[in-house]
Amino acid sequence: MKRQKRSVLALLGWYDHRIVMGIARFAREAGWHLPSRHLYDVVTSRAWNGDGVLTTDGSNSAFRAFIRRQSRQRPTVLISGGNEFGVQLPQIVEDNHAVGQMAARHFLERGHRNFAGFSSSPGRAAIQRLAGFQTTVAAAGFGCTLITPETGSNRNRPASLDRRWLARRLRAMPKPLALFAGDDQMAADVVEVCTESDLAVPQSVAVLGVGNLEIACECSYVPISSIEIDFEELGYRAAQLLEGLMSGAGAPEAPLILPPIGVVARRSTDLQASMPPDLLHAVQFIKDNFRSPLQVREIAEHAAVSPRTLSYLFAHDLRQSPGAYLLHVRLEHAKTLLRETDQKVRHIAETSGFESERNLQRAFRREVGTSPMDFRLRHRVVKNS
């Protein structure tokens, strides 16, 4: 007798098509029945009687009551969110603290010294992201101003007044400013306020968002750099977790955490801030030639300074040695190839400047805390149709 398809309800309080694509991909593989209408109109029904539920947070009281009721009757998995339902749910979340750390490193590598974190919402994700950003900036020896509703903006005011308030805050801060926004829409708002206030992006204010939401990033006055989160993988793994629960597996004791993929760089952060010309030449030389064996003396000769001066410039402006920066560039290139290609690790090592697979393995374990293959398995960008 043919087993009846599981019926799974995906009821999303907030919508991202990439999450839906991940859920749909797993549903095809598992042979689920996934009613599509509920993906878009968030209609709840007391009459629904399926096998499991996938959900995100939602502000509607009827929605929250429905999820609380369903979670007592059948397996329910929460995707991202801060769990506003008042019941304990198995959960998979993006690593928001790591997102903030990644944002800070992106700016620090570009020589920034003035930092701000911006959020127009008191939501959990933005708070965690800004915390990761602020602590990483502090560890590098710099301060970070947080611009949030609690620091002076009344969220009940008309939007136009909030924009004027934000403009005043931005104009008063030291420049060039590195600003990290809680998500891409917030970043787009900042770019608009900067444009209206004659603050050049990225020359005066460099802006970085989160989510790589292309309609926000690419349609902005200045295309916005963004930290990419693999939302499709988030949806897929949530569905995978739900399948296990429906098959009798126990719920994980803690939320499953998905790390960010990396920074998608666009024009909004496309400048090295306050970087001396000699150092800028050295950095560009490293980026252009990291695949080849490089010595500090060779880099110094290209920048027309002594090796001692070069080391001082890197330590003073980038808080690291030339060798450490070269290693970082090589590792980032290797990570990209591991995530996005099927190339063998040996080939990736050679094309990333490590010369041998053994050298890459050692560098990964020392700097990343895992092997290249484990990194690939955890971060792989899957492009299934």
Protein backbone atom coordinates (compact mmCIF):
# COMPACT_ATOMS: atom_id res chain seq x y z
CA MET A 1 0.00 0.00 0.00
CA LYS A 2 1.42 3.37 -1.03
CA ARG A 3 2.20 5.66 1.92
CA GLN A 4 0.09 8.80 1.97
CA LYS A 5 2.00 12.04 1.51
CA ARG A 6 2.70 14.06 4.62
CA SER A 7 0.75 17.31 4.67
CA VAL A 8 2.89 20.19 5.93
CA LEU A 9 1.75 23.74 6.55
CA ALA A 10 4.28 26.54 5.93
CA LEU A 11 2.75 29.56 7.64
CA LEU A 12 5.18 32.47 7.45
CA GLY A 13 4.61 35.61 9.48
CA TRP A 14 7.23 37.34 7.35
CA TYR A 15 8.07 36.29 3.82
CA ASP A 16 11.35 35.75 2.00
CA HIS A 17 11.18 33.87 -1.30
CA ARG A 18 14.52 32.20 -0.60
CA ILE A 19 13.17 30.54 2.55
CA VAL A 20 10.19 29.32 0.53
CA MET A 21 12.52 27.91 -2.15
CA GLY A 22 14.43 25.95 0.49
CA ILE A 23 11.23 24.55 1.97
CA ALA A 24 9.91 23.66 -1.48
CA ARG A 25 13.15 21.91 -2.44
CA PHE A 26 12.98 19.64 0.59
CA ALA A 27 9.23 19.10 0.09
CA ARG A 28 9.92 17.78 -3.43
CA GLU A 29 12.62 15.44 -2.16
CA ALA A 30 10.50 14.16 0.74
CA GLY A 31 7.25 13.90 -1.23
CA TRP A 32 5.34 16.30 1.01
CA HIS A 33 2.02 17.90 0.19
CA LEU A 34 2.71 21.61 0.78
CA PRO A 35 -0.41 23.81 0.35
CA SER A 36 0.83 26.87 -1.53
CA ARG A 37 -1.91 29.37 -0.64
CA HIS A 38 -0.79 29.63 2.96
CA LEU A 39 2.68 30.69 1.86
CA TYR A 40 1.33 34.02 0.67
CA ASP A 41 -1.84 34.98 2.51
CA VAL A 42 -1.08 33.60 6.02
CA VAL A 43 -4.63 32.27 6.33
CA THR A 44 -5.18 30.22 9.49
CA SER A 45 -7.91 27.64 9.84
CA ARG A 46 -9.08 25.63 12.82
CA ALA A 47 -10.08 22.88 10.39
CA TRP A 48 -6.52 22.21 9.18
CA ASN A 49 -5.34 18.77 10.28
CA GLY A 50 -1.95 17.98 8.78
CA ASP A 51 1.29 16.44 9.99
CA GLY A 52 3.59 19.36 10.79
CA VAL A 53 4.08 23.11 10.69
CA LEU A 54 6.89 25.42 9.59
CA THR A 55 6.62 29.02 10.74
CA THR A 56 8.33 32.34 11.27
CA ASP A 57 7.41 34.98 13.85
CA GLY A 58 4.29 37.02 13.19
CA SER A 59 2.68 40.05 14.82
CA ASN A 60 -0.93 39.02 14.19
CA SER A 61 -2.57 37.75 17.41
CA ALA A 62 -4.73 35.19 15.56
CA PHE A 63 -1.60 33.89 13.83
CA ARG A 64 0.24 33.51 17.13
CA ALA A 65 -2.73 31.76 18.74
CA PHE A 66 -2.95 29.34 15.80
CA ILE A 67 0.73 28.41 16.08
CA ARG A 68 0.49 27.92 19.85
CA ARG A 69 -2.48 25.61 19.36
CA GLN A 70 -0.86 23.65 16.52
CA SER A 71 2.44 23.22 18.38
CA ARG A 72 0.61 21.31 21.14
CA GLN A 73 -0.88 18.90 18.59
CA ARG A 74 1.84 18.26 16.00
CA PRO A 75 5.55 18.96 15.33
CA THR A 76 6.24 22.66 14.70
CA VAL A 77 9.55 24.27 13.69
CA LEU A 78 10.34 27.97 13.99
CA ILE A 79 12.53 29.51 11.28
CA SER A 80 14.65 32.42 12.48
CA GLY A 81 12.79 34.92 14.64
CA GLY A 82 12.84 35.47 18.38
CA ASN A 83 9.91 33.18 19.22
CA GLU A 84 7.01 35.48 20.03
CA PHE A 85 4.61 32.55 20.49
CA GLY A 86 5.20 31.99 24.19
CA VAL A 87 5.90 28.27 23.76
CA GLN A 88 9.15 26.37 23.35
CA LEU A 89 9.68 25.43 19.70
CA PRO A 90 12.49 23.63 17.87
CA GLN A 91 14.26 26.37 15.96
CA ILE A 92 16.85 27.09 13.29
CA VAL A 93 18.36 30.58 13.22
CA GLU A 94 20.99 32.57 11.40
CA ASP A 95 24.12 33.34 13.46
CA ASN A 96 23.41 37.03 14.02
CA HIS A 97 26.41 37.61 16.29
CA ALA A 98 28.70 36.23 13.56
CA VAL A 99 26.95 38.54 11.07
CA GLY A 100 27.97 41.54 13.19
CA GLN A 101 31.53 40.25 13.52
CA MET A 102 31.76 39.84 9.75
CA ALA A 103 30.50 43.39 9.23
CA ALA A 104 33.11 44.79 11.59
CA ARG A 105 35.94 42.91 9.87
CA HIS A 106 34.76 44.16 6.47
CA PHE A 107 35.09 47.76 7.64
CA LEU A 108 38.29 47.24 9.64
CA GLU A 109 39.99 45.72 6.61
CA ARG A 110 39.21 48.95 4.75
CA GLY A 111 40.92 51.06 7.37
CA HIS A 112 37.87 52.61 9.05
CA ARG A 113 38.21 54.16 12.49
CA ASN A 114 34.77 55.69 13.04
CA PHE A 115 31.93 53.22 13.49
CA ALA A 116 28.18 53.26 13.98
CA GLY A 117 25.48 50.62 14.14
CA PHE A 118 21.97 51.53 13.05
CA SER A 119 18.64 49.84 13.65
CA SER A 120 15.16 51.33 13.29
CA SER A 121 13.67 48.27 14.98
CA PRO A 122 14.17 46.79 18.47
CA GLY A 123 13.96 43.25 17.05
CA ARG A 124 16.14 40.43 18.37
CA ALA A 125 18.07 39.85 15.14
CA ALA A 126 19.16 43.48 14.75
CA ILE A 127 20.16 43.71 18.42
CA GLN A 128 22.34 40.59 18.16
CA ARG A 129 23.90 41.79 14.92
CA LEU A 130 24.80 45.18 16.36
CA ALA A 131 26.19 43.53 19.50
CA GLY A 132 28.53 41.36 17.41
CA PHE A 133 29.56 44.43 15.43
CA GLN A 134 30.21 46.58 18.49
CA THR A 135 32.24 43.97 20.38
CA THR A 136 34.44 43.21 17.37
CA VAL A 137 35.10 46.90 16.76
CA ALA A 138 35.92 47.32 20.46
CA ALA A 139 38.34 44.38 20.33
CA ALA A 140 40.18 46.22 17.56
CA GLY A 141 40.54 49.28 19.80
CA PHE A 142 37.74 51.50 18.47
CA GLY A 143 34.46 52.85 19.74
CA CYS A 144 31.07 52.33 18.13
CA THR A 145 27.99 54.53 18.43
CA LEU A 146 24.65 52.74 18.29
CA ILE A 147 21.86 54.67 16.58
CA THR A 148 18.60 53.05 17.62
CA PRO A 149 15.07 54.18 18.49
CA GLU A 150 15.99 54.06 22.18
CA THR A 151 18.75 56.66 21.70
CA GLY A 152 16.42 59.48 20.77
CA SER A 153 14.04 58.66 17.96
CA ASN A 154 10.37 58.21 18.81
CA ARG A 155 9.09 55.29 16.72
CA ASN A 156 5.57 56.78 16.89
CA ARG A 157 6.60 59.97 15.13
CA PRO A 158 5.90 60.45 11.42
CA ALA A 159 8.58 58.85 9.25
CA SER A 160 9.70 62.24 7.89
CA LEU A 161 10.65 63.42 11.39
CA ASP A 162 12.59 60.24 12.05
CA ARG A 163 14.55 60.81 8.84
CA ARG A 164 15.44 64.33 9.92
CA TRP A 165 16.52 62.98 13.30
CA LEU A 166 18.72 60.37 11.60
CA ALA A 167 20.16 63.00 9.27
CA ARG A 168 21.15 65.17 12.25
CA ARG A 169 22.83 62.21 13.92
CA LEU A 170 24.76 61.28 10.79
CA ARG A 171 25.91 64.83 10.09
CA ALA A 172 27.22 65.17 13.65
CA MET A 173 29.37 62.04 13.56
CA PRO A 174 33.07 61.98 12.58
CA LYS A 175 33.86 61.13 8.97
CA PRO A 176 34.54 58.94 7.14
CA LEU A 177 31.97 56.84 8.98
CA ALA A 178 31.47 53.08 8.70
CA LEU A 179 27.79 52.35 9.34
CA PHE A 180 26.39 48.86 9.76
CA ALA A 181 22.60 48.58 9.44
CA GLY A 182 20.48 45.81 10.95
CA ASP A 183 19.16 44.72 7.55
CA ASP A 184 19.15 45.78 3.90
CA GLN A 185 16.01 47.90 4.12
CA MET A 186 17.50 49.85 7.01
CA ALA A 187 20.67 50.26 4.96
CA ALA A 188 18.61 51.56 2.03
CA ASP A 189 16.95 54.07 4.37
CA VAL A 190 20.37 55.28 5.50
CA VAL A 191 21.55 55.71 1.91
CA GLU A 192 18.43 57.75 1.11
CA VAL A 193 18.94 59.98 4.16
CA CYS A 194 22.60 60.46 3.23
CA THR A 195 21.64 61.38 -0.33
CA GLU A 196 19.07 63.92 0.89
CA SER A 197 21.63 65.35 3.34
CA ASP A 198 24.52 65.70 0.85
CA LEU A 199 26.53 63.02 2.65
CA ALA A 200 28.41 61.10 -0.03
CA VAL A 201 28.22 57.29 0.06
CA PRO A 202 30.74 55.75 0.50
CA GLN A 203 33.13 58.73 0.71
CA SER A 204 31.58 60.21 3.89
CA VAL A 205 29.41 57.34 5.07
CA ALA A 206 30.09 53.74 4.04
CA VAL A 207 26.96 51.60 4.47
CA LEU A 208 26.66 47.84 4.93
CA GLY A 209 23.41 45.87 5.27
CA VAL A 210 22.37 42.28 5.94
CA GLY A 211 20.44 39.77 3.86
CA ASN A 212 21.56 40.54 0.29
CA LEU A 213 17.98 41.40 -0.66
CA GLU A 214 18.63 42.41 -4.25
CA ILE A 215 15.62 44.70 -4.68
CA ALA A 216 16.89 46.81 -1.77
CA CYS A 217 20.61 46.55 -2.55
CA GLU A 218 20.60 47.00 -6.33
CA CYS A 219 17.80 49.59 -6.59
CA SER A 220 19.31 51.94 -4.02
CA TYR A 221 20.75 55.31 -5.09
CA VAL A 222 24.11 53.70 -4.34
CA PRO A 223 24.18 49.87 -4.63
CA ILE A 224 24.49 48.49 -1.12
CA SER A 225 27.05 45.99 0.16
CA SER A 226 25.41 43.29 2.21
CA ILE A 227 26.20 40.24 4.31
CA GLU A 228 24.64 37.24 2.63
CA ILE A 229 22.66 34.77 4.69
CA ASP A 230 21.75 31.50 3.02
CA PHE A 231 18.00 31.82 3.54
CA GLU A 232 17.31 28.98 1.12
CA GLU A 233 19.47 26.68 3.22
CA LEU A 234 17.70 28.01 6.33
CA GLY A 235 14.35 26.93 4.87
CA TYR A 236 15.72 23.60 3.69
CA ARG A 237 17.23 22.69 7.04
CA ALA A 238 14.07 23.76 8.87
CA ALA A 239 12.09 21.37 6.68
CA GLN A 240 14.70 18.67 7.25
CA LEU A 241 14.37 19.18 11.01
CA LEU A 242 10.58 18.96 10.79
CA GLU A 243 10.78 15.71 8.82
CA GLY A 244 12.87 14.22 11.60
CA LEU A 245 10.39 15.32 14.26
CA MET A 246 7.45 13.90 12.28
CA SER A 247 9.38 10.60 12.03
CA GLY A 248 9.78 10.41 15.80
CA ALA A 249 13.19 12.02 16.36
CA GLY A 250 13.70 14.09 19.48
CA ALA A 251 13.81 17.87 19.32
CA PRO A 252 17.26 19.48 19.60
CA GLU A 253 17.98 21.03 23.00
CA ALA A 254 19.20 24.30 21.50
CA PRO A 255 18.43 26.19 18.27
CA LEU A 256 20.37 25.04 15.20
CA ILE A 257 22.58 27.89 14.01
CA LEU A 258 23.46 28.69 10.39
CA PRO A 259 26.54 30.89 9.83
CA PRO A 260 26.52 33.74 7.29
CA ILE A 261 28.04 33.14 3.86
CA GLY A 262 30.08 36.32 3.41
CA VAL A 263 29.99 39.92 2.26
CA VAL A 264 28.59 40.74 -1.18
CA ALA A 265 30.55 43.92 -1.86
CA ARG A 266 28.93 46.73 -3.83
CA ARG A 267 29.64 50.43 -4.21
CA SER A 268 28.39 51.51 -0.75
CA THR A 269 31.61 50.23 0.88
CA ASP A 270 33.89 50.43 -2.13
CA LEU A 271 36.53 52.73 -0.67
CA GLN A 272 39.46 52.33 1.66
CA ALA A 273 38.84 54.88 4.41
CA SER A 274 41.62 57.24 5.51
CA MET A 275 44.24 54.89 4.14
CA PRO A 276 47.62 56.41 3.29
CA PRO A 277 48.46 56.10 -0.43
CA ASP A 278 51.48 53.89 0.29
CA LEU A 279 49.34 51.44 2.25
CA LEU A 280 46.58 51.55 -0.37
CA HIS A 281 49.12 50.59 -3.05
CA ALA A 282 50.35 47.70 -0.89
CA VAL A 283 46.83 46.42 -0.21
CA GLN A 284 45.89 46.55 -3.87
CA PHE A 285 49.13 44.80 -4.82
CA ILE A 286 48.30 41.97 -2.40
CA LYS A 287 44.75 41.65 -3.77
CA ASP A 288 46.09 41.50 -7.33
CA ASN A 289 48.91 39.03 -6.63
CA PHE A 290 47.86 36.85 -3.67
CA ARG A 291 47.93 33.72 -5.87
CA SER A 292 51.70 34.06 -6.26
CA PRO A 293 54.38 33.65 -3.59
CA LEU A 294 54.79 37.07 -1.98
CA GLN A 295 57.40 38.38 0.43
CA VAL A 296 57.08 41.48 2.59
CA ARG A 297 60.09 42.99 0.83
CA GLU A 298 58.38 42.60 -2.57
CA ILE A 299 55.20 44.25 -1.28
CA ALA A 300 57.23 47.07 0.25
CA GLU A 301 59.11 47.66 -3.00
CA HIS A 302 55.83 47.99 -4.89
CA ALA A 303 54.58 50.53 -2.33
CA ALA A 304 57.94 52.37 -2.49
CA VAL A 305 58.54 52.09 1.28
CA SER A 306 60.88 50.09 3.47
CA PRO A 307 59.68 46.75 4.94
CA ARG A 308 59.79 48.35 8.39
CA THR A 309 57.58 51.24 7.27
CA LEU A 310 55.20 48.84 5.56
CA SER A 311 54.83 46.81 8.77
CA TYR A 312 54.16 50.01 10.71
CA LEU A 313 51.47 51.13 8.23
CA PHE A 314 49.68 47.77 8.41
CA ALA A 315 49.85 47.68 12.21
CA HIS A 316 48.71 51.30 12.60
CA ASP A 317 45.86 51.34 10.07
CA LEU A 318 44.74 47.72 9.73
CA ARG A 319 45.76 46.33 13.12
CA GLN A 320 47.59 43.40 11.55
CA SER A 321 50.83 42.51 9.81
CA PRO A 322 51.26 42.37 6.00
CA GLY A 323 51.58 38.60 6.28
CA ALA A 324 48.33 38.30 8.26
CA TYR A 325 46.50 40.42 5.70
CA LEU A 326 47.87 38.30 2.84
CA LEU A 327 46.71 35.16 4.64
CA HIS A 328 43.24 36.67 5.12
CA VAL A 329 42.91 37.47 1.40
CA ARG A 330 43.99 33.95 0.45
CA LEU A 331 41.59 32.34 2.92
CA GLU A 332 38.64 34.44 1.73
CA HIS A 333 39.35 33.41 -1.86
CA ALA A 334 39.59 29.75 -0.85
CA LYS A 335 36.30 30.02 1.09
CA THR A 336 34.54 31.44 -1.96
CA LEU A 337 35.75 28.56 -4.14
CA LEU A 338 34.76 26.00 -1.51
CA ARG A 339 31.27 27.45 -1.25
CA GLU A 340 30.57 28.05 -4.91
CA THR A 341 32.50 25.46 -6.94
CA ASP A 342 33.20 21.72 -7.11
CA GLN A 343 36.95 22.25 -7.51
CA LYS A 344 39.18 19.82 -5.64
CA VAL A 345 40.79 21.12 -2.46
CA ARG A 346 44.24 20.63 -3.95
CA HIS A 347 43.37 22.89 -6.91
CA ILE A 348 41.79 25.49 -4.60
CA ALA A 349 44.95 25.54 -2.49
CA GLU A 350 47.12 26.18 -5.53
CA THR A 351 44.89 28.89 -7.01
CA SER A 352 44.56 30.64 -3.64
CA GLY A 353 48.29 31.02 -3.08
CA PHE A 354 48.81 28.22 -0.55
CA GLU A 355 50.97 26.15 -2.95
CA SER A 356 49.87 22.82 -1.43
CA GLU A 357 46.76 21.23 0.02
CA ARG A 358 48.66 20.61 3.26
CA ASN A 359 49.35 24.33 3.71
CA LEU A 360 45.67 25.12 3.13
CA GLN A 361 44.60 22.45 5.61
CA ARG A 362 46.90 23.88 8.28
CA ALA A 363 45.77 27.45 7.69
CA PHE A 364 42.10 26.49 7.82
CA ARG A 365 42.41 24.56 11.05
CA ARG A 366 44.42 27.37 12.67
CA GLU A 367 42.37 30.35 11.45
CA VAL A 368 38.89 28.93 10.77
CA GLY A 369 38.82 26.08 13.27
CA THR A 370 37.77 23.41 10.79
CA SER A 371 38.96 21.61 7.67
CA PRO A 372 38.28 22.89 4.14
CA MET A 373 35.94 19.95 3.43
CA ASP A 374 33.95 20.50 6.63
CA PHE A 375 33.69 24.19 5.73
CA ARG A 376 32.37 23.24 2.28
CA LEU A 377 29.75 20.91 3.75
CA ARG A 378 28.51 23.56 6.19
CA HIS A 379 28.53 26.54 3.83
CA ARG A 380 27.88 25.04 0.44
CA VAL A 381 25.80 27.25 -1.86
CA VAL A 382 23.38 24.80 -3.49
CA LYS A 383 22.00 25.92 -6.86
CA ASN A 384 19.24 23.42 -7.49
CA SER A 385 16.45 24.19 -9.89
